[in-house]
Amino acid sequence: MLVSAGNGSAFQRRKSAGATSLSNSGSLTAVAPLWVRLARSGSTVTASTSADGTSWTTIGSDTIALGTTAYVGLAVTSHNVAQLASAVVSSVTATGTAVALPSPQQSQDVGSPAIATR
């Protein structure tokens, strides 16, 4: 799931490594607060948004061949190499059996950003 003040919400995914990125658009505007949810049932992933955390609107659903272990993460980007991005994220919940990310992936920039967060 992605949320952008300028582009709204969308469900983006790749069905396999290196495949073309697919996207379903949700709301064209994103007004805070906005809840997002990804739910996995077997190999089906469903993406939804909510304005109140109670009533959900499905953005899209897809069948994706996933392994038994799924890593969950959050990312923030400005899409501008000269602009540092920030976001407020709260009430994050992941259900299921907890598996820690490998230590190098627990808190780091992805790639080599022009402005590092550390």
C-alpha atoms as a PDB file:
ATOM      1  CA  MET A   1       0.000   0.000   0.000  1.00  0.00           C
ATOM      2  CA  LEU A   2       1.179   3.481  -0.669  1.00  0.00           C
ATOM      3  CA  VAL A   3      -0.196   6.789   0.508  1.00  0.00           C
ATOM      4  CA  SER A   4       0.790  10.108  -1.043  1.00  0.00           C
ATOM      5  CA  ALA A   5      -0.628  13.536  -0.264  1.00  0.00           C
ATOM      6  CA  GLY A   6      -0.340  14.404  -3.961  1.00  0.00           C
ATOM      7  CA  ASN A   7      -1.415  11.094  -5.508  1.00  0.00           C
ATOM      8  CA  GLY A   8      -3.783   9.452  -3.013  1.00  0.00           C
ATOM      9  CA  SER A   9      -3.585   5.743  -2.211  1.00  0.00           C
ATOM     10  CA  ALA A  10      -2.720   2.695  -4.300  1.00  0.00           C
ATOM     11  CA  PHE A  11      -1.994  -1.025  -4.007  1.00  0.00           C
ATOM     12  CA  GLN A  12       1.319  -1.695  -5.761  1.00  0.00           C
ATOM     13  CA  ARG A  13       2.975  -5.081  -6.069  1.00  0.00           C
ATOM     14  CA  ARG A  14       5.199  -7.366  -8.112  1.00  0.00           C
ATOM     15  CA  LYS A  15       3.939 -10.915  -8.450  1.00  0.00           C
ATOM     16  CA  SER A  16       7.509 -12.240  -8.647  1.00  0.00           C
ATOM     17  CA  ALA A  17      11.057 -10.922  -8.319  1.00  0.00           C
ATOM     18  CA  GLY A  18      11.937  -8.677 -11.260  1.00  0.00           C
ATOM     19  CA  ALA A  19       8.387  -8.697 -12.667  1.00  0.00           C
ATOM     20  CA  THR A  20       6.543  -5.609 -13.856  1.00  0.00           C
ATOM     21  CA  SER A  21       4.982  -3.537 -11.074  1.00  0.00           C
ATOM     22  CA  LEU A  22       1.163  -3.631 -10.978  1.00  0.00           C
ATOM     23  CA  SER A  23      -1.024  -0.966  -9.374  1.00  0.00           C
ATOM     24  CA  ASN A  24      -4.656  -0.419  -8.365  1.00  0.00           C
ATOM     25  CA  SER A  25      -5.566   3.168  -7.520  1.00  0.00           C
ATOM     26  CA  GLY A  26      -7.623   3.920  -4.460  1.00  0.00           C
ATOM     27  CA  SER A  27      -8.720   7.375  -3.442  1.00  0.00           C
ATOM     28  CA  LEU A  28      -7.149  10.169  -5.495  1.00  0.00           C
ATOM     29  CA  THR A  29      -6.701  12.216  -2.331  1.00  0.00           C
ATOM     30  CA  ALA A  30      -5.153  11.187   0.963  1.00  0.00           C
ATOM     31  CA  VAL A  31      -6.377  13.132   3.964  1.00  0.00           C
ATOM     32  CA  ALA A  32      -4.767  12.398   7.325  1.00  0.00           C
ATOM     33  CA  PRO A  33      -5.416  10.353   9.254  1.00  0.00           C
ATOM     34  CA  LEU A  34      -5.625   7.439   6.843  1.00  0.00           C
ATOM     35  CA  TRP A  35      -5.396   3.789   7.884  1.00  0.00           C
ATOM     36  CA  VAL A  36      -3.979   1.205   5.495  1.00  0.00           C
ATOM     37  CA  ARG A  37      -4.234  -2.564   5.751  1.00  0.00           C
ATOM     38  CA  LEU A  38      -2.669  -5.468   3.901  1.00  0.00           C
ATOM     39  CA  ALA A  39      -4.235  -8.828   4.696  1.00  0.00           C
ATOM     40  CA  ARG A  40      -2.773 -12.129   3.564  1.00  0.00           C
ATOM     41  CA  SER A  41      -4.789 -15.328   3.347  1.00  0.00           C
ATOM     42  CA  GLY A  42      -2.692 -18.092   1.826  1.00  0.00           C
ATOM     43  CA  SER A  43      -1.376 -16.615  -1.418  1.00  0.00           C
ATOM     44  CA  THR A  44      -4.018 -13.861  -1.666  1.00  0.00           C
ATOM     45  CA  VAL A  45      -3.085 -10.344  -0.558  1.00  0.00           C
ATOM     46  CA  THR A  46      -5.847  -7.753  -0.141  1.00  0.00           C
ATOM     47  CA  ALA A  47      -5.167  -4.025   0.281  1.00  0.00           C
ATOM     48  CA  SER A  48      -7.629  -1.656   1.953  1.00  0.00           C
ATOM     49  CA  THR A  49      -7.875   1.875   3.341  1.00  0.00           C
ATOM     50  CA  SER A  50     -10.042   3.468   6.015  1.00  0.00           C
ATOM     51  CA  ALA A  51     -10.735   7.003   7.219  1.00  0.00           C
ATOM     52  CA  ASP A  52     -11.612   5.793  10.730  1.00  0.00           C
ATOM     53  CA  GLY A  53      -9.907   2.407  11.235  1.00  0.00           C
ATOM     54  CA  THR A  54     -13.300   0.680  11.368  1.00  0.00           C
ATOM     55  CA  SER A  55     -14.965   0.905   7.949  1.00  0.00           C
ATOM     56  CA  TRP A  56     -12.652  -0.412   5.200  1.00  0.00           C
ATOM     57  CA  THR A  57     -12.619   0.054   1.410  1.00  0.00           C
ATOM     58  CA  THR A  58     -10.811  -2.602  -0.635  1.00  0.00           C
ATOM     59  CA  ILE A  59      -8.373  -1.109  -3.149  1.00  0.00           C
ATOM     60  CA  GLY A  60      -7.338  -4.377  -4.744  1.00  0.00           C
ATOM     61  CA  SER A  61      -6.516  -8.023  -4.246  1.00  0.00           C
ATOM     62  CA  ASP A  62      -4.095 -10.335  -6.012  1.00  0.00           C
ATOM     63  CA  THR A  63      -2.701 -13.846  -5.882  1.00  0.00           C
ATOM     64  CA  ILE A  64       1.021 -13.732  -5.191  1.00  0.00           C
ATOM     65  CA  ALA A  65       3.240 -16.777  -4.677  1.00  0.00           C
ATOM     66  CA  LEU A  66       4.648 -16.042  -1.217  1.00  0.00           C
ATOM     67  CA  GLY A  67       6.802 -18.149   1.046  1.00  0.00           C
ATOM     68  CA  THR A  68       5.680 -19.149   4.518  1.00  0.00           C
ATOM     69  CA  THR A  69       7.710 -16.314   6.077  1.00  0.00           C
ATOM     70  CA  ALA A  70       6.677 -12.761   5.246  1.00  0.00           C
ATOM     71  CA  TYR A  71       8.712  -9.734   6.312  1.00  0.00           C
ATOM     72  CA  VAL A  72       6.738  -6.567   7.038  1.00  0.00           C
ATOM     73  CA  GLY A  73       8.209  -3.093   6.739  1.00  0.00           C
ATOM     74  CA  LEU A  74       7.450   0.572   6.288  1.00  0.00           C
ATOM     75  CA  ALA A  75       9.178   2.957   3.896  1.00  0.00           C
ATOM     76  CA  VAL A  76       9.062   6.708   3.363  1.00  0.00           C
ATOM     77  CA  THR A  77      10.289   8.536   0.245  1.00  0.00           C
ATOM     78  CA  SER A  78      10.094  12.049  -1.175  1.00  0.00           C
ATOM     79  CA  HIS A  79      10.862  10.877  -4.763  1.00  0.00           C
ATOM     80  CA  ASN A  80      13.289  13.811  -4.863  1.00  0.00           C
ATOM     81  CA  VAL A  81      16.983  13.152  -4.197  1.00  0.00           C
ATOM     82  CA  ALA A  82      17.413  16.658  -2.748  1.00  0.00           C
ATOM     83  CA  GLN A  83      14.444  16.451  -0.362  1.00  0.00           C
ATOM     84  CA  LEU A  84      14.373  14.475   2.892  1.00  0.00           C
ATOM     85  CA  ALA A  85      10.951  12.926   3.543  1.00  0.00           C
ATOM     86  CA  SER A  86       9.227  12.414   6.873  1.00  0.00           C
ATOM     87  CA  ALA A  87       6.020  10.753   7.984  1.00  0.00           C
ATOM     88  CA  VAL A  88       4.125  10.098  11.183  1.00  0.00           C
ATOM     89  CA  VAL A  89       3.283   6.416  11.575  1.00  0.00           C
ATOM     90  CA  SER A  90       1.416   5.014  14.566  1.00  0.00           C
ATOM     91  CA  SER A  91      -0.586   1.996  15.667  1.00  0.00           C
ATOM     92  CA  VAL A  92       1.387  -0.456  13.533  1.00  0.00           C
ATOM     93  CA  THR A  93       0.274  -4.048  14.047  1.00  0.00           C
ATOM     94  CA  ALA A  94       1.447  -7.262  12.422  1.00  0.00           C
ATOM     95  CA  THR A  95      -0.336 -10.457  13.391  1.00  0.00           C
ATOM     96  CA  GLY A  96       0.984 -13.971  13.114  1.00  0.00           C
ATOM     97  CA  THR A  97       4.173 -15.555  14.349  1.00  0.00           C
ATOM     98  CA  ALA A  98       6.830 -12.908  14.947  1.00  0.00           C
ATOM     99  CA  VAL A  99      10.042 -13.305  12.978  1.00  0.00           C
ATOM    100  CA  ALA A 100      12.688 -10.590  13.295  1.00  0.00           C
ATOM    101  CA  LEU A 101      14.162  -9.063  10.170  1.00  0.00           C
ATOM    102  CA  PRO A 102      17.825  -9.793   9.556  1.00  0.00           C
ATOM    103  CA  SER A 103      19.819  -7.177  11.506  1.00  0.00           C
ATOM    104  CA  PRO A 104      21.095  -5.201   8.491  1.00  0.00           C
ATOM    105  CA  GLN A 105      17.483  -4.605   7.376  1.00  0.00           C
ATOM    106  CA  GLN A 106      15.966  -3.534  10.705  1.00  0.00           C
ATOM    107  CA  SER A 107      16.640   0.191  10.323  1.00  0.00           C
ATOM    108  CA  GLN A 108      18.395   1.501   7.252  1.00  0.00           C
ATOM    109  CA  ASP A 109      18.125   3.555   4.116  1.00  0.00           C
ATOM    110  CA  VAL A 110      17.260   1.599   0.964  1.00  0.00           C
ATOM    111  CA  GLY A 111      19.803   2.053  -1.800  1.00  0.00           C
ATOM    112  CA  SER A 112      22.177   5.007  -1.608  1.00  0.00           C
ATOM    113  CA  PRO A 113      20.040   8.120  -1.055  1.00  0.00           C
ATOM    114  CA  ALA A 114      21.626  11.533  -1.619  1.00  0.00           C
ATOM    115  CA  ILE A 115      20.411  12.552   1.859  1.00  0.00           C
ATOM    116  CA  ALA A 116      20.890   9.760   4.383  1.00  0.00           C
ATOM    117  CA  THR A 117      18.595   9.580   7.420  1.00  0.00           C
ATOM    118  CA  ARG A 118      21.408   8.516   9.745  1.00  0.00           C
END
